[in-house]
């Protein structure tokens, strides 16, 4: 299992456009991908799940990947979130 903790820096928080890009990236992997915020964890392959967390700016989130391609999955998701300027 691989996990990272990152802080949301986008002034709007984790909003629909970057969330959709992140969900699409997560969906390409076989690994189980979870996004956790404030004690709640959701499937990061579900846009409804991710949006239901309502993650505001300056929030710390945890992304966890578990499976045969977990290393590539976590690196790709982190890279996508950085490219979308959601995390620093």
PDB file of N, CA and C in Angstrom:
ATOM      1  N   UNK A   1       0.843  -1.184   0.000  1.00  0.00           N
ATOM      2  CA  UNK A   1       0.000   0.000   0.000  1.00  0.00           C
ATOM      3  C   UNK A   1       0.888   1.246   0.000  1.00  0.00           C
ATOM      4  N   UNK A   2       0.526   2.192  -0.838  1.00  0.00           N
ATOM      5  CA  UNK A   2       1.231   3.476  -0.929  1.00  0.00           C
ATOM      6  C   UNK A   2       0.263   4.576  -0.554  1.00  0.00           C
ATOM      7  N   UNK A   3       0.769   5.581   0.164  1.00  0.00           N
ATOM      8  CA  UNK A   3      -0.097   6.714   0.483  1.00  0.00           C
ATOM      9  C   UNK A   3       0.700   8.001   0.517  1.00  0.00           C
ATOM     10  N   UNK A   4       0.003   9.086   0.210  1.00  0.00           N
ATOM     11  CA  UNK A   4       0.596  10.418   0.290  1.00  0.00           C
ATOM     12  C   UNK A   4      -0.387  11.332   1.012  1.00  0.00           C
ATOM     13  N   UNK A   5       0.155  12.305   1.711  1.00  0.00           N
ATOM     14  CA  UNK A   5      -0.637  13.362   2.324  1.00  0.00           C
ATOM     15  C   UNK A   5      -0.257  14.656   1.624  1.00  0.00           C
ATOM     16  N   UNK A   6      -1.249  15.370   1.121  1.00  0.00           N
ATOM     17  CA  UNK A   6      -1.005  16.616   0.402  1.00  0.00           C
ATOM     18  C   UNK A   6      -2.004  17.669   0.876  1.00  0.00           C
ATOM     19  N   UNK A   7      -1.657  18.934   0.639  1.00  0.00           N
ATOM     20  CA  UNK A   7      -2.521  20.047   1.016  1.00  0.00           C
ATOM     21  C   UNK A   7      -3.096  20.693  -0.243  1.00  0.00           C
ATOM     22  N   UNK A   8      -4.393  20.917  -0.229  1.00  0.00           N
ATOM     23  CA  UNK A   8      -5.077  21.568  -1.346  1.00  0.00           C
ATOM     24  C   UNK A   8      -4.745  23.063  -1.296  1.00  0.00           C
ATOM     25  N   UNK A   9      -4.217  23.598  -2.395  1.00  0.00           N
ATOM     26  CA  UNK A   9      -3.833  25.011  -2.431  1.00  0.00           C
ATOM     27  C   UNK A   9      -4.705  25.839  -3.377  1.00  0.00           C
ATOM     28  N   UNK A  10      -5.517  25.193  -4.188  1.00  0.00           N
ATOM     29  CA  UNK A  10      -6.408  25.935  -5.079  1.00  0.00           C
ATOM     30  C   UNK A  10      -7.353  26.780  -4.217  1.00  0.00           C
ATOM     31  N   UNK A  11      -7.496  28.082  -4.525  1.00  0.00           N
ATOM     32  CA  UNK A  11      -8.348  28.945  -3.705  1.00  0.00           C
ATOM     33  C   UNK A  11      -9.806  28.478  -3.605  1.00  0.00           C
ATOM     34  N   UNK A  12     -10.255  27.706  -4.588  1.00  0.00           N
ATOM     35  CA  UNK A  12     -11.633  27.218  -4.594  1.00  0.00           C
ATOM     36  C   UNK A  12     -11.732  25.841  -3.926  1.00  0.00           C
ATOM     37  N   UNK A  13     -10.598  25.234  -3.628  1.00  0.00           N
ATOM     38  CA  UNK A  13     -10.596  23.882  -3.071  1.00  0.00           C
ATOM     39  C   UNK A  13     -10.547  22.857  -4.186  1.00  0.00           C
ATOM     40  N   UNK A  14     -10.909  21.641  -3.873  1.00  0.00           N
ATOM     41  CA  UNK A  14     -10.926  20.577  -4.896  1.00  0.00           C
ATOM     42  C   UNK A  14     -12.273  20.644  -5.597  1.00  0.00           C
ATOM     43  N   UNK A  15     -12.332  21.423  -6.671  1.00  0.00           N
ATOM     44  CA  UNK A  15     -13.589  21.643  -7.377  1.00  0.00           C
ATOM     45  C   UNK A  15     -13.738  20.701  -8.561  1.00  0.00           C
ATOM     46  N   UNK A  16     -14.835  20.812  -9.280  1.00  0.00           N
ATOM     47  CA  UNK A  16     -15.252  19.820 -10.279  1.00  0.00           C
ATOM     48  C   UNK A  16     -14.229  19.544 -11.381  1.00  0.00           C
ATOM     49  N   UNK A  17     -13.646  20.562 -11.971  1.00  0.00           N
ATOM     50  CA  UNK A  17     -12.746  20.334 -13.104  1.00  0.00           C
ATOM     51  C   UNK A  17     -11.513  19.518 -12.720  1.00  0.00           C
ATOM     52  N   UNK A  18     -10.722  19.937 -11.712  1.00  0.00           N
ATOM     53  CA  UNK A  18      -9.563  19.112 -11.363  1.00  0.00           C
ATOM     54  C   UNK A  18      -9.959  17.773 -10.733  1.00  0.00           C
ATOM     55  N   UNK A  19     -11.095  17.739 -10.058  1.00  0.00           N
ATOM     56  CA  UNK A  19     -11.558  16.466  -9.487  1.00  0.00           C
ATOM     57  C   UNK A  19     -11.851  15.466 -10.601  1.00  0.00           C
ATOM     58  N   UNK A  20     -12.459  15.933 -11.675  1.00  0.00           N
ATOM     59  CA  UNK A  20     -12.762  15.057 -12.811  1.00  0.00           C
ATOM     60  C   UNK A  20     -11.487  14.526 -13.444  1.00  0.00           C
ATOM     61  N   UNK A  21     -10.493  15.390 -13.594  1.00  0.00           N
ATOM     62  CA  UNK A  21      -9.211  14.963 -14.168  1.00  0.00           C
ATOM     63  C   UNK A  21      -8.559  13.915 -13.266  1.00  0.00           C
ATOM     64  N   UNK A  22      -8.599  14.131 -11.961  1.00  0.00           N
ATOM     65  CA  UNK A  22      -8.009  13.185 -11.007  1.00  0.00           C
ATOM     66  C   UNK A  22      -8.758  11.855 -11.014  1.00  0.00           C
ATOM     67  N   UNK A  23     -10.084  11.896 -11.066  1.00  0.00           N
ATOM     68  CA  UNK A  23     -10.894  10.676 -11.111  1.00  0.00           C
ATOM     69  C   UNK A  23     -10.589   9.895 -12.385  1.00  0.00           C
ATOM     70  N   UNK A  24     -10.478  10.583 -13.507  1.00  0.00           N
ATOM     71  CA  UNK A  24     -10.145   9.916 -14.776  1.00  0.00           C
ATOM     72  C   UNK A  24      -8.769   9.258 -14.698  1.00  0.00           C
ATOM     73  N   UNK A  25      -7.817   9.931 -14.059  1.00  0.00           N
ATOM     74  CA  UNK A  25      -6.471   9.358 -13.901  1.00  0.00           C
ATOM     75  C   UNK A  25      -6.523   8.122 -13.012  1.00  0.00           C
ATOM     76  N   UNK A  26      -7.234   8.205 -11.893  1.00  0.00           N
ATOM     77  CA  UNK A  26      -7.332   7.078 -10.967  1.00  0.00           C
ATOM     78  C   UNK A  26      -8.018   5.879 -11.617  1.00  0.00           C
ATOM     79  N   UNK A  27      -8.986   6.148 -12.466  1.00  0.00           N
ATOM     80  CA  UNK A  27      -9.777   5.087 -13.090  1.00  0.00           C
ATOM     81  C   UNK A  27      -8.974   4.235 -14.068  1.00  0.00           C
ATOM     82  N   UNK A  28      -7.822   4.709 -14.474  1.00  0.00           N
ATOM     83  CA  UNK A  28      -6.993   3.962 -15.435  1.00  0.00           C
ATOM     84  C   UNK A  28      -6.213   2.839 -14.784  1.00  0.00           C
ATOM     85  N   UNK A  29      -6.237   2.765 -13.455  1.00  0.00           N
ATOM     86  CA  UNK A  29      -5.422   1.782 -12.748  1.00  0.00           C
ATOM     87  C   UNK A  29      -6.273   0.687 -12.116  1.00  0.00           C
ATOM     88  N   UNK A  30      -5.671  -0.490 -11.984  1.00  0.00           N
ATOM     89  CA  UNK A  30      -6.346  -1.619 -11.349  1.00  0.00           C
ATOM     90  C   UNK A  30      -6.385  -1.482  -9.834  1.00  0.00           C
ATOM     91  N   UNK A  31      -5.459  -0.737  -9.280  1.00  0.00           N
ATOM     92  CA  UNK A  31      -5.358  -0.588  -7.830  1.00  0.00           C
ATOM     93  C   UNK A  31      -6.611   0.046  -7.241  1.00  0.00           C
ATOM     94  N   UNK A  32      -6.849  -0.262  -5.969  1.00  0.00           N
ATOM     95  CA  UNK A  32      -7.907   0.369  -5.195  1.00  0.00           C
ATOM     96  C   UNK A  32      -7.371   1.738  -4.786  1.00  0.00           C
ATOM     97  N   UNK A  33      -8.061   2.813  -5.154  1.00  0.00           N
ATOM     98  CA  UNK A  33      -7.600   4.170  -4.879  1.00  0.00           C
ATOM     99  C   UNK A  33      -8.625   4.869  -3.993  1.00  0.00           C
ATOM    100  N   UNK A  34      -8.169   5.342  -2.833  1.00  0.00           N
ATOM    101  CA  UNK A  34      -9.050   6.015  -1.876  1.00  0.00           C
ATOM    102  C   UNK A  34      -8.570   7.438  -1.633  1.00  0.00           C
ATOM    103  N   UNK A  35      -9.522   8.319  -1.419  1.00  0.00           N
ATOM    104  CA  UNK A  35      -9.251   9.703  -1.054  1.00  0.00           C
ATOM    105  C   UNK A  35      -9.887   9.928   0.311  1.00  0.00           C
ATOM    106  N   UNK A  36      -9.100  10.375   1.282  1.00  0.00           N
ATOM    107  CA  UNK A  36      -9.617  10.580   2.641  1.00  0.00           C
ATOM    108  C   UNK A  36      -9.479  12.044   3.044  1.00  0.00           C
ATOM    109  N   UNK A  37     -10.533  12.535   3.717  1.00  0.00           N
ATOM    110  CA  UNK A  37     -10.560  13.908   4.224  1.00  0.00           C
ATOM    111  C   UNK A  37     -11.473  13.941   5.452  1.00  0.00           C
ATOM    112  N   UNK A  38     -10.970  14.484   6.541  1.00  0.00           N
ATOM    113  CA  UNK A  38     -11.753  14.642   7.776  1.00  0.00           C
ATOM    114  C   UNK A  38     -12.394  13.328   8.243  1.00  0.00           C
ATOM    115  N   UNK A  39     -11.625  12.253   8.177  1.00  0.00           N
ATOM    116  CA  UNK A  39     -12.110  10.977   8.680  1.00  0.00           C
ATOM    117  C   UNK A  39     -13.013  10.202   7.741  1.00  0.00           C
ATOM    118  N   UNK A  40     -13.301  10.748   6.573  1.00  0.00           N
ATOM    119  CA  UNK A  40     -14.121  10.046   5.579  1.00  0.00           C
ATOM    120  C   UNK A  40     -13.250   9.646   4.403  1.00  0.00           C
ATOM    121  N   UNK A  41     -13.420   8.422   3.933  1.00  0.00           N
ATOM    122  CA  UNK A  41     -12.667   7.942   2.773  1.00  0.00           C
ATOM    123  C   UNK A  41     -13.652   7.533   1.686  1.00  0.00           C
ATOM    124  N   UNK A  42     -13.335   7.911   0.454  1.00  0.00           N
ATOM    125  CA  UNK A  42     -14.182   7.571  -0.686  1.00  0.00           C
ATOM    126  C   UNK A  42     -13.329   6.951  -1.787  1.00  0.00           C
ATOM    127  N   UNK A  43     -13.988   6.257  -2.677  1.00  0.00           N
ATOM    128  CA  UNK A  43     -13.346   5.688  -3.851  1.00  0.00           C
ATOM    129  C   UNK A  43     -12.971   6.848  -4.777  1.00  0.00           C
ATOM    130  N   UNK A  44     -11.687   6.988  -5.074  1.00  0.00           N
ATOM    131  CA  UNK A  44     -11.256   8.106  -5.909  1.00  0.00           C
ATOM    132  C   UNK A  44     -11.599   7.899  -7.376  1.00  0.00           C
ATOM    133  N   UNK A  45     -12.178   6.779  -7.713  1.00  0.00           N
ATOM    134  CA  UNK A  45     -12.624   6.529  -9.084  1.00  0.00           C
ATOM    135  C   UNK A  45     -14.071   6.980  -9.277  1.00  0.00           C
ATOM    136  N   UNK A  46     -14.666   7.558  -8.240  1.00  0.00           N
ATOM    137  CA  UNK A  46     -16.055   8.017  -8.279  1.00  0.00           C
ATOM    138  C   UNK A  46     -16.112   9.533  -8.119  1.00  0.00           C
ATOM    139  N   UNK A  47     -16.547  10.241  -9.173  1.00  0.00           N
ATOM    140  CA  UNK A  47     -16.626  11.698  -9.094  1.00  0.00           C
ATOM    141  C   UNK A  47     -17.637  12.117  -8.035  1.00  0.00           C
ATOM    142  N   UNK A  48     -18.707  11.387  -7.885  1.00  0.00           N
ATOM    143  CA  UNK A  48     -19.699  11.733  -6.863  1.00  0.00           C
ATOM    144  C   UNK A  48     -19.101  11.584  -5.458  1.00  0.00           C
ATOM    145  N   UNK A  49     -18.327  10.541  -5.272  1.00  0.00           N
ATOM    146  CA  UNK A  49     -17.679  10.337  -3.978  1.00  0.00           C
ATOM    147  C   UNK A  49     -16.711  11.453  -3.658  1.00  0.00           C
ATOM    148  N   UNK A  50     -15.871  11.789  -4.624  1.00  0.00           N
ATOM    149  CA  UNK A  50     -14.862  12.847  -4.420  1.00  0.00           C
ATOM    150  C   UNK A  50     -15.549  14.186  -4.144  1.00  0.00           C
ATOM    151  N   UNK A  51     -16.555  14.522  -4.938  1.00  0.00           N
ATOM    152  CA  UNK A  51     -17.241  15.810  -4.765  1.00  0.00           C
ATOM    153  C   UNK A  51     -18.032  15.852  -3.458  1.00  0.00           C
ATOM    154  N   UNK A  52     -18.489  14.695  -2.980  1.00  0.00           N
ATOM    155  CA  UNK A  52     -19.272  14.661  -1.740  1.00  0.00           C
ATOM    156  C   UNK A  52     -18.454  15.082  -0.521  1.00  0.00           C
ATOM    157  N   UNK A  53     -17.125  15.032  -0.635  1.00  0.00           N
ATOM    158  CA  UNK A  53     -16.271  15.427   0.486  1.00  0.00           C
ATOM    159  C   UNK A  53     -16.218  16.944   0.671  1.00  0.00           C
ATOM    160  N   UNK A  54     -16.500  17.712  -0.390  1.00  0.00           N
ATOM    161  CA  UNK A  54     -16.500  19.173  -0.290  1.00  0.00           C
ATOM    162  C   UNK A  54     -15.203  19.725   0.269  1.00  0.00           C
ATOM    163  N   UNK A  55     -14.088  19.368  -0.331  1.00  0.00           N
ATOM    164  CA  UNK A  55     -12.771  19.709   0.220  1.00  0.00           C
ATOM    165  C   UNK A  55     -12.410  21.164  -0.089  1.00  0.00           C
ATOM    166  N   UNK A  56     -12.286  22.001   0.964  1.00  0.00           N
ATOM    167  CA  UNK A  56     -11.936  23.411   0.750  1.00  0.00           C
ATOM    168  C   UNK A  56     -10.414  23.619   0.646  1.00  0.00           C
ATOM    169  N   UNK A  57     -10.022  24.827   0.299  1.00  0.00           N
ATOM    170  CA  UNK A  57      -8.608  25.169   0.210  1.00  0.00           C
ATOM    171  C   UNK A  57      -7.930  25.029   1.578  1.00  0.00           C
ATOM    172  N   UNK A  58      -6.640  24.783   1.546  1.00  0.00           N
ATOM    173  CA  UNK A  58      -5.797  24.604   2.737  1.00  0.00           C
ATOM    174  C   UNK A  58      -6.163  23.365   3.561  1.00  0.00           C
ATOM    175  N   UNK A  59      -6.820  22.417   2.942  1.00  0.00           N
ATOM    176  CA  UNK A  59      -7.171  21.165   3.619  1.00  0.00           C
ATOM    177  C   UNK A  59      -6.139  20.102   3.300  1.00  0.00           C
ATOM    178  N   UNK A  60      -5.834  19.277   4.289  1.00  0.00           N
ATOM    179  CA  UNK A  60      -4.933  18.146   4.046  1.00  0.00           C
ATOM    180  C   UNK A  60      -5.772  16.929   3.690  1.00  0.00           C
ATOM    181  N   UNK A  61      -5.377  16.272   2.606  1.00  0.00           N
ATOM    182  CA  UNK A  61      -6.054  15.052   2.174  1.00  0.00           C
ATOM    183  C   UNK A  61      -5.041  13.921   2.130  1.00  0.00           C
ATOM    184  N   UNK A  62      -5.559  12.711   2.143  1.00  0.00           N
ATOM    185  CA  UNK A  62      -4.702  11.536   2.043  1.00  0.00           C
ATOM    186  C   UNK A  62      -5.185  10.700   0.859  1.00  0.00           C
ATOM    187  N   UNK A  63      -4.251  10.313   0.014  1.00  0.00           N
ATOM    188  CA  UNK A  63      -4.561   9.443  -1.123  1.00  0.00           C
ATOM    189  C   UNK A  63      -3.840   8.131  -0.889  1.00  0.00           C
ATOM    190  N   UNK A  64      -4.586   7.039  -0.994  1.00  0.00           N
ATOM    191  CA  UNK A  64      -4.048   5.707  -0.752  1.00  0.00           C
ATOM    192  C   UNK A  64      -4.298   4.829  -1.965  1.00  0.00           C
ATOM    193  N   UNK A  65      -3.272   4.121  -2.393  1.00  0.00           N
ATOM    194  CA  UNK A  65      -3.396   3.171  -3.502  1.00  0.00           C
ATOM    195  C   UNK A  65      -2.926   1.804  -3.025  1.00  0.00           C
ATOM    196  N   UNK A  66      -3.700   0.786  -3.359  1.00  0.00           N
ATOM    197  CA  UNK A  66      -3.327  -0.575  -2.997  1.00  0.00           C
ATOM    198  C   UNK A  66      -3.656  -1.500  -4.153  1.00  0.00           C
ATOM    199  N   UNK A  67      -2.608  -2.172  -4.661  1.00  0.00           N
ATOM    200  CA  UNK A  67      -2.804  -3.091  -5.776  1.00  0.00           C
ATOM    201  C   UNK A  67      -1.522  -3.293  -6.552  1.00  0.00           C
ATOM    202  N   UNK A  68      -1.632  -4.001  -7.649  1.00  0.00           N
ATOM    203  CA  UNK A  68      -0.447  -4.378  -8.419  1.00  0.00           C
ATOM    204  C   UNK A  68       0.228  -3.203  -9.122  1.00  0.00           C
ATOM    205  N   UNK A  69      -0.487  -2.113  -9.359  1.00  0.00           N
ATOM    206  CA  UNK A  69       0.118  -0.942 -10.016  1.00  0.00           C
ATOM    207  C   UNK A  69       0.070   0.296  -9.115  1.00  0.00           C
ATOM    208  N   UNK A  70       0.151   0.064  -7.791  1.00  0.00           N
ATOM    209  CA  UNK A  70       0.004   1.152  -6.822  1.00  0.00           C
ATOM    210  C   UNK A  70       1.067   2.237  -6.944  1.00  0.00           C
ATOM    211  N   UNK A  71       2.304   1.854  -7.261  1.00  0.00           N
ATOM    212  CA  UNK A  71       3.381   2.852  -7.379  1.00  0.00           C
ATOM    213  C   UNK A  71       3.098   3.834  -8.512  1.00  0.00           C
ATOM    214  N   UNK A  72       2.772   3.295  -9.671  1.00  0.00           N
ATOM    215  CA  UNK A  72       2.483   4.151 -10.828  1.00  0.00           C
ATOM    216  C   UNK A  72       1.205   4.951 -10.587  1.00  0.00           C
ATOM    217  N   UNK A  73       0.222   4.339  -9.964  1.00  0.00           N
ATOM    218  CA  UNK A  73      -1.054   5.021  -9.705  1.00  0.00           C
ATOM    219  C   UNK A  73      -0.847   6.241  -8.813  1.00  0.00           C
ATOM    220  N   UNK A  74      -0.163   6.074  -7.703  1.00  0.00           N
ATOM    221  CA  UNK A  74       0.000   7.199  -6.760  1.00  0.00           C
ATOM    222  C   UNK A  74       0.841   8.311  -7.375  1.00  0.00           C
ATOM    223  N   UNK A  75       1.884   7.931  -8.124  1.00  0.00           N
ATOM    224  CA  UNK A  75       2.724   8.944  -8.780  1.00  0.00           C
ATOM    225  C   UNK A  75       1.933   9.716  -9.830  1.00  0.00           C
ATOM    226  N   UNK A  76       1.117   9.011 -10.605  1.00  0.00           N
ATOM    227  CA  UNK A  76       0.333   9.650 -11.665  1.00  0.00           C
ATOM    228  C   UNK A  76      -0.711  10.590 -11.089  1.00  0.00           C
ATOM    229  N   UNK A  77      -1.409  10.146 -10.056  1.00  0.00           N
ATOM    230  CA  UNK A  77      -2.449  10.983  -9.451  1.00  0.00           C
ATOM    231  C   UNK A  77      -1.837  12.241  -8.839  1.00  0.00           C
ATOM    232  N   UNK A  78      -0.715  12.095  -8.163  1.00  0.00           N
ATOM    233  CA  UNK A  78      -0.039  13.263  -7.587  1.00  0.00           C
ATOM    234  C   UNK A  78       0.387  14.230  -8.689  1.00  0.00           C
ATOM    235  N   UNK A  79       0.935  13.686  -9.775  1.00  0.00           N
ATOM    236  CA  UNK A  79       1.377  14.511 -10.900  1.00  0.00           C
ATOM    237  C   UNK A  79       0.199  15.260 -11.531  1.00  0.00           C
ATOM    238  N   UNK A  80      -0.926  14.584 -11.687  1.00  0.00           N
ATOM    239  CA  UNK A  80      -2.119  15.206 -12.269  1.00  0.00           C
ATOM    240  C   UNK A  80      -2.618  16.345 -11.381  1.00  0.00           C
ATOM    241  N   UNK A  81      -2.665  16.122 -10.074  1.00  0.00           N
ATOM    242  CA  UNK A  81      -3.124  17.173  -9.158  1.00  0.00           C
ATOM    243  C   UNK A  81      -2.180  18.367  -9.159  1.00  0.00           C
ATOM    244  N   UNK A  82      -0.876  18.113  -9.280  1.00  0.00           N
ATOM    245  CA  UNK A  82       0.087  19.220  -9.370  1.00  0.00           C
ATOM    246  C   UNK A  82      -0.091  19.986 -10.684  1.00  0.00           C
ATOM    247  N   UNK A  83      -0.278  19.265 -11.771  1.00  0.00           N
ATOM    248  CA  UNK A  83      -0.468  19.897 -13.076  1.00  0.00           C
ATOM    249  C   UNK A  83      -1.732  20.763 -13.104  1.00  0.00           C
ATOM    250  N   UNK A  84      -2.752  20.355 -12.355  1.00  0.00           N
ATOM    251  CA  UNK A  84      -3.998  21.122 -12.261  1.00  0.00           C
ATOM    252  C   UNK A  84      -3.881  22.268 -11.248  1.00  0.00           C
ATOM    253  N   UNK A  85      -2.712  22.379 -10.609  1.00  0.00           N
ATOM    254  CA  UNK A  85      -2.434  23.408  -9.596  1.00  0.00           C
ATOM    255  C   UNK A  85      -3.378  23.325  -8.394  1.00  0.00           C
ATOM    256  N   UNK A  86      -3.780  22.096  -8.059  1.00  0.00           N
ATOM    257  CA  UNK A  86      -4.642  21.871  -6.900  1.00  0.00           C
ATOM    258  C   UNK A  86      -3.793  21.663  -5.663  1.00  0.00           C
ATOM    259  N   UNK A  87      -2.617  21.034  -5.843  1.00  0.00           N
ATOM    260  CA  UNK A  87      -1.664  20.858  -4.752  1.00  0.00           C
ATOM    261  C   UNK A  87      -0.348  21.505  -5.156  1.00  0.00           C
ATOM    262  N   UNK A  88       0.457  21.858  -4.175  1.00  0.00           N
ATOM    263  CA  UNK A  88       1.741  22.509  -4.473  1.00  0.00           C
ATOM    264  C   UNK A  88       2.865  21.496  -4.514  1.00  0.00           C
TER     265      UNK A  88
END
